[in-house]
Protein backbone atom coordinates (compact mmCIF):
# COMPACT_ATOMS: atom_id res chain seq x y z
CA UNK A 1 44.23 -47.03 8.57
CA UNK A 2 41.31 -44.86 9.73
CA UNK A 3 38.92 -43.97 6.90
CA UNK A 4 36.73 -41.03 7.87
CA UNK A 5 33.54 -40.48 5.88
CA UNK A 6 32.30 -36.94 6.44
CA UNK A 7 30.05 -34.15 5.23
CA UNK A 8 30.78 -30.47 4.67
CA UNK A 9 30.23 -29.06 8.15
CA UNK A 10 31.71 -26.42 10.46
CA UNK A 11 33.08 -29.05 12.88
CA UNK A 12 35.10 -30.98 10.31
CA UNK A 13 38.17 -28.77 9.82
CA UNK A 14 38.70 -28.63 13.58
CA UNK A 15 38.31 -32.39 13.85
CA UNK A 16 40.89 -33.00 11.12
CA UNK A 17 43.34 -30.75 12.97
CA UNK A 18 42.69 -32.69 16.20
CA UNK A 19 43.14 -36.09 14.54
CA UNK A 20 46.42 -35.01 13.00
CA UNK A 21 47.67 -33.90 16.44
CA UNK A 22 47.07 -37.28 18.10
CA UNK A 23 47.81 -39.75 15.27
CA UNK A 24 50.97 -40.87 13.53
CA UNK A 25 51.39 -39.31 10.10
CA UNK A 26 49.23 -40.76 7.29
CA UNK A 27 47.09 -42.98 9.52
CA UNK A 28 43.89 -41.05 8.76
CA UNK A 29 42.21 -40.43 5.42
CA UNK A 30 39.43 -37.85 5.36
CA UNK A 31 36.74 -38.35 2.71
CA UNK A 32 34.21 -35.53 2.40
CA UNK A 33 31.07 -36.44 0.46
CA UNK A 34 30.43 -33.69 -2.07
CA UNK A 35 32.14 -31.33 -4.49
CA UNK A 36 35.04 -29.18 -3.36
CA UNK A 37 33.77 -26.19 -5.32
CA UNK A 38 30.49 -26.33 -3.35
CA UNK A 39 32.19 -26.36 0.06
CA UNK A 40 30.94 -23.88 2.65
CA UNK A 41 32.90 -25.05 5.68
CA UNK A 42 35.62 -27.63 4.95
CA UNK A 43 38.78 -25.91 3.76
CA UNK A 44 41.46 -28.30 5.02
CA UNK A 45 43.86 -29.16 2.22
CA UNK A 46 44.18 -32.84 3.15
CA UNK A 47 40.43 -33.50 2.87
CA UNK A 48 39.57 -35.68 -0.14
CA UNK A 49 36.29 -34.82 -1.88
CA UNK A 50 34.42 -37.87 -3.15
CA UNK A 51 31.13 -39.35 -4.27
CA UNK A 52 30.08 -42.81 -3.14
CA UNK A 53 30.06 -43.87 -6.79
CA UNK A 54 33.72 -42.91 -7.32
CA UNK A 55 35.57 -46.08 -8.26
CA UNK A 56 38.74 -45.26 -6.33
CA UNK A 57 36.81 -44.54 -3.14
CA UNK A 58 34.59 -47.58 -3.64
CA UNK A 59 37.66 -49.79 -4.04
CA UNK A 60 39.18 -48.48 -0.81
CA UNK A 61 36.03 -49.21 1.18
CA UNK A 62 35.55 -52.67 -0.33
CA UNK A 63 39.17 -53.61 0.39
CA UNK A 64 39.27 -52.35 3.96
CA UNK A 65 40.23 -55.07 6.47
CA UNK A 66 39.71 -55.81 10.14
CA UNK A 67 42.92 -53.86 10.82
CA UNK A 68 41.31 -50.68 9.50
CA UNK A 69 38.50 -48.55 10.92
CA UNK A 70 35.75 -46.69 9.15
CA UNK A 71 34.64 -43.68 11.18
CA UNK A 72 31.50 -41.92 9.98
CA UNK A 73 30.64 -38.31 10.72
CA UNK A 74 26.93 -38.11 9.79
CA UNK A 75 25.48 -41.61 9.43
CA UNK A 76 22.30 -41.08 7.44
CA UNK A 77 20.35 -43.84 5.71
CA UNK A 78 22.16 -43.41 2.40
CA UNK A 79 25.59 -43.73 4.04
CA UNK A 80 24.49 -46.70 6.13
CA UNK A 81 23.12 -48.56 3.13
CA UNK A 82 26.29 -47.86 1.15
CA UNK A 83 28.43 -49.34 3.92
CA UNK A 84 26.15 -52.34 4.38
CA UNK A 85 26.62 -53.15 0.72
CA UNK A 86 30.35 -52.47 0.43
CA UNK A 87 32.07 -52.77 3.81
CA UNK A 88 33.16 -56.21 4.96
CA UNK A 89 31.48 -57.29 8.20
CA UNK A 90 34.77 -57.69 10.10
CA UNK A 91 35.81 -54.06 9.48
CA UNK A 92 35.12 -51.95 12.61
CA UNK A 93 32.52 -49.26 11.98
CA UNK A 94 32.50 -46.28 14.34
CA UNK A 95 29.85 -43.57 14.17
CA UNK A 96 30.10 -40.13 15.77
CA UNK A 97 26.65 -39.14 17.03
CA UNK A 98 25.34 -35.86 15.67
CA UNK A 99 21.64 -36.28 16.41
CA UNK A 100 19.69 -35.66 13.24
CA UNK A 101 20.94 -38.80 11.50
CA UNK A 102 19.42 -40.93 14.28
CA UNK A 103 16.35 -38.88 15.19
CA UNK A 104 15.24 -37.35 11.89
CA UNK A 105 16.30 -39.95 9.36
CA UNK A 106 14.09 -41.22 7.81
CA UNK A 107 12.37 -37.87 8.21
CA UNK A 108 8.77 -38.89 7.53
CA UNK A 109 8.99 -41.61 10.18
CA UNK A 110 10.23 -39.37 13.00
CA UNK A 111 8.53 -36.08 12.18
CA UNK A 112 5.55 -36.43 14.54
CA UNK A 113 7.62 -36.54 17.73
CA UNK A 114 10.34 -34.15 16.55
CA UNK A 115 7.99 -31.23 15.91
CA UNK A 116 5.42 -29.29 17.92
CA UNK A 117 2.01 -28.34 16.55
CA UNK A 118 2.68 -25.17 14.56
CA UNK A 119 5.91 -26.52 13.11
CA UNK A 120 4.42 -29.95 12.40
CA UNK A 121 1.63 -28.38 10.35
CA UNK A 122 4.28 -26.67 8.22
CA UNK A 123 6.35 -29.86 7.95
CA UNK A 124 3.43 -31.99 6.81
CA UNK A 125 2.30 -29.49 4.21
CA UNK A 126 5.81 -29.16 2.77
CA UNK A 127 7.38 -32.61 3.08
CA UNK A 128 4.77 -35.31 2.52
CA UNK A 129 4.18 -34.16 -1.07
CA UNK A 130 7.28 -32.97 -2.99
CA UNK A 131 7.21 -29.47 -4.47
CA UNK A 132 7.22 -30.75 -8.03
CA UNK A 133 3.82 -32.36 -7.50
CA UNK A 134 2.44 -29.19 -5.91
CA UNK A 135 3.31 -27.33 -9.11
CA UNK A 136 1.73 -29.85 -11.43
CA UNK A 137 -2.06 -30.12 -11.10
CA UNK A 138 -2.20 -32.97 -13.62
CA UNK A 139 -0.39 -35.14 -11.04
CA UNK A 140 -3.33 -34.77 -8.67
CA UNK A 141 -3.80 -38.50 -8.14
CA UNK A 142 -0.12 -39.03 -7.39
CA UNK A 143 -0.39 -36.30 -4.75
CA UNK A 144 -3.33 -38.10 -3.18
CA UNK A 145 -1.47 -41.42 -3.28
CA UNK A 146 1.56 -39.91 -1.55
CA UNK A 147 -0.57 -38.41 1.21
CA UNK A 148 -2.31 -41.72 1.83
CA UNK A 149 0.80 -43.88 1.68
CA UNK A 150 3.62 -41.82 3.19
CA UNK A 151 3.42 -43.75 6.48
CA UNK A 152 3.95 -47.04 4.68
CA UNK A 153 6.92 -45.57 2.83
CA UNK A 154 8.31 -44.17 6.08
CA UNK A 155 7.99 -47.53 7.83
CA UNK A 156 9.96 -49.28 5.07
CA UNK A 157 12.69 -46.67 5.30
CA UNK A 158 12.78 -47.09 9.06
CA UNK A 159 13.19 -50.86 8.73
CA UNK A 160 16.14 -50.23 6.43
CA UNK A 161 17.53 -47.76 8.94
CA UNK A 162 17.41 -50.39 11.71
CA UNK A 163 19.66 -52.62 9.63
CA UNK A 164 22.22 -49.86 9.26
CA UNK A 165 22.14 -49.04 12.99
CA UNK A 166 22.75 -52.70 13.86
CA UNK A 167 25.91 -52.60 11.73
CA UNK A 168 27.55 -50.03 14.05
CA UNK A 169 30.34 -51.46 16.17
CA UNK A 170 30.82 -48.39 18.36
CA UNK A 171 28.90 -45.17 18.83
CA UNK A 172 31.02 -42.13 19.66
CA UNK A 173 29.40 -39.53 21.92
CA UNK A 174 30.11 -37.24 24.89
CA UNK A 175 31.30 -38.82 28.14
CA UNK A 176 28.61 -39.72 30.70
CA UNK A 177 25.87 -39.60 28.06
CA UNK A 178 24.60 -43.16 28.51
CA UNK A 179 20.98 -41.95 28.47
CA UNK A 180 21.44 -41.08 24.79
CA UNK A 181 22.60 -44.63 24.11
CA UNK A 182 19.56 -46.06 25.87
CA UNK A 183 17.25 -43.79 23.87
CA UNK A 184 18.73 -44.95 20.57
CA UNK A 185 18.48 -48.58 21.67
CA UNK A 186 14.82 -48.02 22.53
CA UNK A 187 13.96 -46.29 19.24
CA UNK A 188 15.64 -48.94 17.11
CA UNK A 189 14.89 -52.00 19.24
CA UNK A 190 18.53 -52.82 19.97
CA UNK A 191 19.64 -55.16 22.74
CA UNK A 192 23.10 -53.64 22.91
CA UNK A 193 25.07 -50.75 21.47
CA UNK A 194 28.72 -50.29 22.35
CA UNK A 195 30.00 -46.73 22.75
CA UNK A 196 33.08 -44.66 23.51
CA UNK A 197 33.80 -41.14 24.77
CA UNK A 198 34.21 -38.52 22.06
CA UNK A 199 33.40 -34.92 21.25
CA UNK A 200 34.23 -32.31 18.67
CA UNK A 201 35.63 -28.93 19.68
CA UNK A 202 32.65 -27.40 21.47
CA UNK A 203 34.40 -24.06 22.05
CA UNK A 204 34.95 -24.73 25.76
CA UNK A 205 38.42 -23.24 25.87
CA UNK A 206 37.46 -20.28 23.68
CA UNK A 207 34.38 -19.56 25.80
CA UNK A 208 36.41 -19.94 29.00
CA UNK A 209 38.75 -17.12 27.91
CA UNK A 210 35.85 -14.93 26.81
CA UNK A 211 33.95 -15.50 30.07
CA UNK A 212 36.73 -13.67 31.93
CA UNK A 213 36.26 -10.54 29.84
CA UNK A 214 33.53 -8.03 30.60
CA UNK A 215 30.30 -8.80 28.78
CA UNK A 216 28.68 -6.19 26.55
CA UNK A 217 25.12 -7.13 27.59
CA UNK A 218 22.70 -4.20 27.62
CA UNK A 219 21.32 -4.29 31.16
CA UNK A 220 18.10 -2.55 30.08
CA UNK A 221 17.27 -5.08 27.37
CA UNK A 222 16.91 -8.84 27.77
CA UNK A 223 18.43 -10.66 24.81
CA UNK A 224 16.84 -14.07 24.18
CA UNK A 225 18.38 -16.54 21.75
CA UNK A 226 16.03 -19.11 20.20
CA UNK A 227 17.41 -22.23 18.55
CA UNK A 228 20.58 -22.75 16.55
CA UNK A 229 19.63 -23.03 12.87
CA UNK A 230 16.93 -22.67 10.22
CA UNK A 231 15.87 -26.29 10.64
CA UNK A 232 12.38 -27.42 11.54
CA UNK A 233 13.39 -29.35 14.68
CA UNK A 234 14.01 -25.99 16.39
CA UNK A 235 10.23 -25.51 16.61
CA UNK A 236 10.69 -21.75 16.29
CA UNK A 237 7.06 -20.86 15.66
CA UNK A 238 5.94 -22.77 18.75
CA UNK A 239 8.66 -21.13 20.83
CA UNK A 240 7.67 -17.68 19.53
CA UNK A 241 4.06 -18.35 20.47
CA UNK A 242 5.19 -19.41 23.95
CA UNK A 243 7.24 -16.24 24.41
CA UNK A 244 4.60 -13.91 22.99
CA UNK A 245 3.32 -13.24 26.51
CA UNK A 246 6.57 -11.29 27.06
CA UNK A 247 6.29 -9.19 23.89
CA UNK A 248 5.50 -5.98 25.80
CA UNK A 249 8.70 -6.29 27.83
CA UNK A 250 12.02 -4.77 26.79
CA UNK A 251 13.46 -7.73 24.92
CA UNK A 252 15.30 -8.63 21.74
CA UNK A 253 15.08 -12.08 20.18
CA UNK A 254 18.10 -13.43 18.32
CA UNK A 255 17.60 -16.39 15.97
CA UNK A 256 20.74 -17.99 14.47
CA UNK A 257 19.64 -19.21 11.03
CA UNK A 258 22.87 -19.45 9.04
CA UNK A 259 22.07 -22.90 7.69
CA UNK A 260 18.96 -24.95 7.06
CA UNK A 261 15.82 -24.60 4.98
CA UNK A 262 15.03 -21.37 3.10
CA UNK A 263 11.30 -22.08 2.95
CA UNK A 264 11.24 -22.87 6.66
CA UNK A 265 13.15 -19.67 7.38
CA UNK A 266 10.41 -17.69 5.63
CA UNK A 267 7.80 -19.52 7.70
CA UNK A 268 9.61 -18.57 10.92
CA UNK A 269 9.94 -14.93 9.85
CA UNK A 270 6.19 -14.66 9.28
CA UNK A 271 5.54 -15.84 12.82
CA UNK A 272 8.28 -13.59 14.15
CA UNK A 273 6.75 -10.54 12.49
CA UNK A 274 3.29 -11.47 13.76
CA UNK A 275 4.28 -12.00 17.40
CA UNK A 276 7.19 -9.59 17.86
CA UNK A 277 7.27 -7.14 14.95
CA UNK A 278 10.76 -5.54 14.97
CA UNK A 279 12.11 -7.12 18.15
CA UNK A 280 13.84 -9.96 16.27
CA UNK A 281 17.31 -10.24 14.79
CA UNK A 282 18.01 -13.09 12.35
CA UNK A 283 21.67 -14.17 12.10
CA UNK A 284 21.69 -15.60 8.58
CA UNK A 285 25.38 -15.55 7.64
CA UNK A 286 27.94 -18.03 8.88
CA UNK A 287 29.97 -16.48 11.72
CA UNK A 288 33.53 -17.66 12.59
CA UNK A 289 33.95 -19.24 16.02
CA UNK A 290 35.59 -16.36 17.88
CA UNK A 291 33.08 -13.87 16.50
CA UNK A 292 30.18 -16.20 17.36
CA UNK A 293 31.34 -16.54 20.98
CA UNK A 294 31.45 -12.75 21.20
CA UNK A 295 27.88 -12.68 19.88
CA UNK A 296 26.79 -15.22 22.50
CA UNK A 297 28.14 -12.94 25.23
CA UNK A 298 25.31 -10.52 24.45
CA UNK A 299 22.72 -13.17 25.32
CA UNK A 300 20.87 -13.25 28.63
CA UNK A 301 18.67 -16.29 28.09
CA UNK A 302 18.69 -19.07 25.50
CA UNK A 303 15.80 -21.36 24.61
CA UNK A 304 16.48 -24.54 22.68
CA UNK A 305 12.97 -25.75 21.91
CA UNK A 306 13.99 -29.07 20.39
CA UNK A 307 12.38 -32.39 21.28
CA UNK A 308 15.59 -34.20 20.38
CA UNK A 309 19.30 -33.72 21.04
CA UNK A 310 20.54 -30.77 19.01
CA UNK A 311 22.68 -27.63 19.30
CA UNK A 312 25.26 -29.15 21.63
CA UNK A 313 27.86 -26.81 20.14
CA UNK A 314 25.72 -23.84 21.17
CA UNK A 315 24.69 -25.11 24.59
CA UNK A 316 28.24 -25.72 25.84
CA UNK A 317 29.67 -22.23 25.17
CA UNK A 318 26.48 -20.57 26.42
CA UNK A 319 26.80 -22.41 29.71
CA UNK A 320 30.51 -21.67 29.86
CA UNK A 321 29.66 -17.99 29.49
CA UNK A 322 27.26 -18.21 32.44
CA UNK A 323 24.07 -17.90 30.41
CA UNK A 324 20.66 -19.22 31.41
CA UNK A 325 19.69 -22.16 29.21
CA UNK A 326 16.19 -23.61 28.76
CA UNK A 327 15.81 -27.07 27.24
CA UNK A 328 12.76 -29.27 27.04
CA UNK A 329 12.84 -32.15 29.49
CA UNK A 330 12.00 -34.41 26.52
CA UNK A 331 15.37 -33.48 25.03
CA UNK A 332 18.06 -35.99 26.02
CA UNK A 333 20.51 -33.10 26.51
CA UNK A 334 18.36 -31.89 29.42
CA UNK A 335 18.78 -35.28 31.08
CA UNK A 336 22.50 -35.30 30.28
CA UNK A 337 23.21 -31.88 31.77
CA UNK A 338 21.21 -32.62 34.89
CA UNK A 339 22.98 -35.96 35.35
CA UNK A 340 26.42 -34.31 35.40
CA UNK A 341 25.33 -31.52 37.75
CA UNK A 342 25.01 -28.67 35.24
CA UNK A 343 22.20 -26.20 35.93
CA UNK A 344 19.69 -25.95 33.08
CA UNK A 345 15.99 -25.15 33.09
CA UNK A 346 12.87 -26.87 31.71
CA UNK A 347 11.43 -24.93 28.77
CA UNK A 348 8.03 -26.51 29.44
CA UNK A 349 7.77 -24.39 32.60
CA UNK A 350 8.11 -21.03 30.81
CA UNK A 351 4.36 -20.98 30.27
CA UNK A 352 3.77 -20.51 34.03
CA UNK A 353 6.71 -18.16 34.70
CA UNK A 354 6.63 -14.43 35.22
CA UNK A 355 9.04 -12.38 33.15
CA UNK A 356 11.19 -11.78 36.23
CA UNK A 357 11.43 -15.53 36.90
CA UNK A 358 12.17 -16.25 33.27
CA UNK A 359 15.08 -13.83 32.90
CA UNK A 360 16.52 -14.09 36.42
CA UNK A 361 20.23 -14.85 35.87
CA UNK A 362 22.08 -17.78 37.33
CA UNK A 363 23.68 -17.31 40.74
CA UNK A 364 27.47 -17.00 40.71
CA UNK A 365 27.90 -20.43 42.32
CA UNK A 366 25.73 -21.98 39.55
CA UNK A 367 27.79 -20.27 36.83
CA UNK A 368 31.05 -21.41 38.40
CA UNK A 369 29.86 -24.97 38.90
CA UNK A 370 28.66 -25.23 35.29
CA UNK A 371 32.01 -23.96 34.05
CA UNK A 372 34.08 -26.32 36.21
CA UNK A 373 32.06 -29.39 35.20
CA UNK A 374 32.13 -28.60 31.48
CA UNK A 375 35.84 -27.79 31.46
CA UNK A 376 36.48 -31.13 33.14
CA UNK A 377 34.65 -33.01 30.39
CA UNK A 378 35.18 -30.98 27.21
CA UNK A 379 38.48 -29.15 27.40
CA UNK A 380 40.99 -29.57 24.58
CA UNK A 381 43.06 -31.88 26.79
CA UNK A 382 40.10 -34.20 27.37
CA UNK A 383 38.92 -33.99 23.76
CA UNK A 384 42.30 -35.08 22.44
CA UNK A 385 42.56 -37.81 25.05
CA UNK A 386 39.25 -39.34 23.89
CA UNK A 387 40.23 -39.04 20.22
CA UNK A 388 43.67 -40.58 20.76
CA UNK A 389 42.03 -43.76 22.11
CA UNK A 390 39.74 -43.97 19.08
CA UNK A 391 42.14 -43.41 16.19
CA UNK A 392 45.26 -45.16 17.51
């Protein structure tokens, strides 16, 4: 039996459909951590909503054997500790890499390298001391204690995280992405980390169909997408500052912010108003896949200003649609795309670029090569092939 432990996310329904296509009936059980009534994304009827404290779920995990597999989709510290305590050591534990659960968890430990200056200032002022202490002046000394000791707390959490990472039997991540494995081994001091090819539906086939249709891009206006969510690791404020040298040009900035942190979203909007006034559109409601791909077709240039792997599900369809994509060279996705021959650009070089250089589109041969490579790795046929080997 394959026991999937999941969170409420936009990729999960599609994954369940894929797993049911490639597995014999009733060989997968899909546990979603949370309350069904609070669900935003997972609507599949066979998903089972649970809490880790539920006795029935706890019994299933404790009684799993070496003939079963536990496959985790979002392996944060809490989930890792739960499985360390309750999953027998001989039960295979597979973890699908998302990014944040390895590079931002525990958050206080990783925050310095994840964020650039403007964003880091916001993060430190809003995360080191919880809001409840900010609202209670009589807890002044506890606030001081937290500020002075957060690094010690973060280090202890990180040491716990290492234990949970060492429990993983196989990491599941996109084919040819060995650099990501080496990065995780380096961060957590691992000698080895086994892995297997895997990916969720990254909209390759949907984008491939849409790429054939005529785009509705306004040729007189350059549309620039920044980031993929209202989460701090996007470094929006720093990216907006970088792009402010182009504010007098005919541009429109599009910021997808359908999920993330409300307070951070307000922080980004203040910087957006300061640098670009009315030239920004914020996409704050969840958009279905087909509609989102249509929205991406309007984009000329995309900047993912992350220092870590993130927004893979945005990068793939953008590249399939022939768009120009900037990633930081510090981001492991930059290394990955370059290693497989996909044309992407270093966001660190924007500072020295003219506007014409920045928005110059990809040549047709670059667009075609990107599309061929990505189809070869991430098509539905390949995706199901990888998954079949994991769940059967």
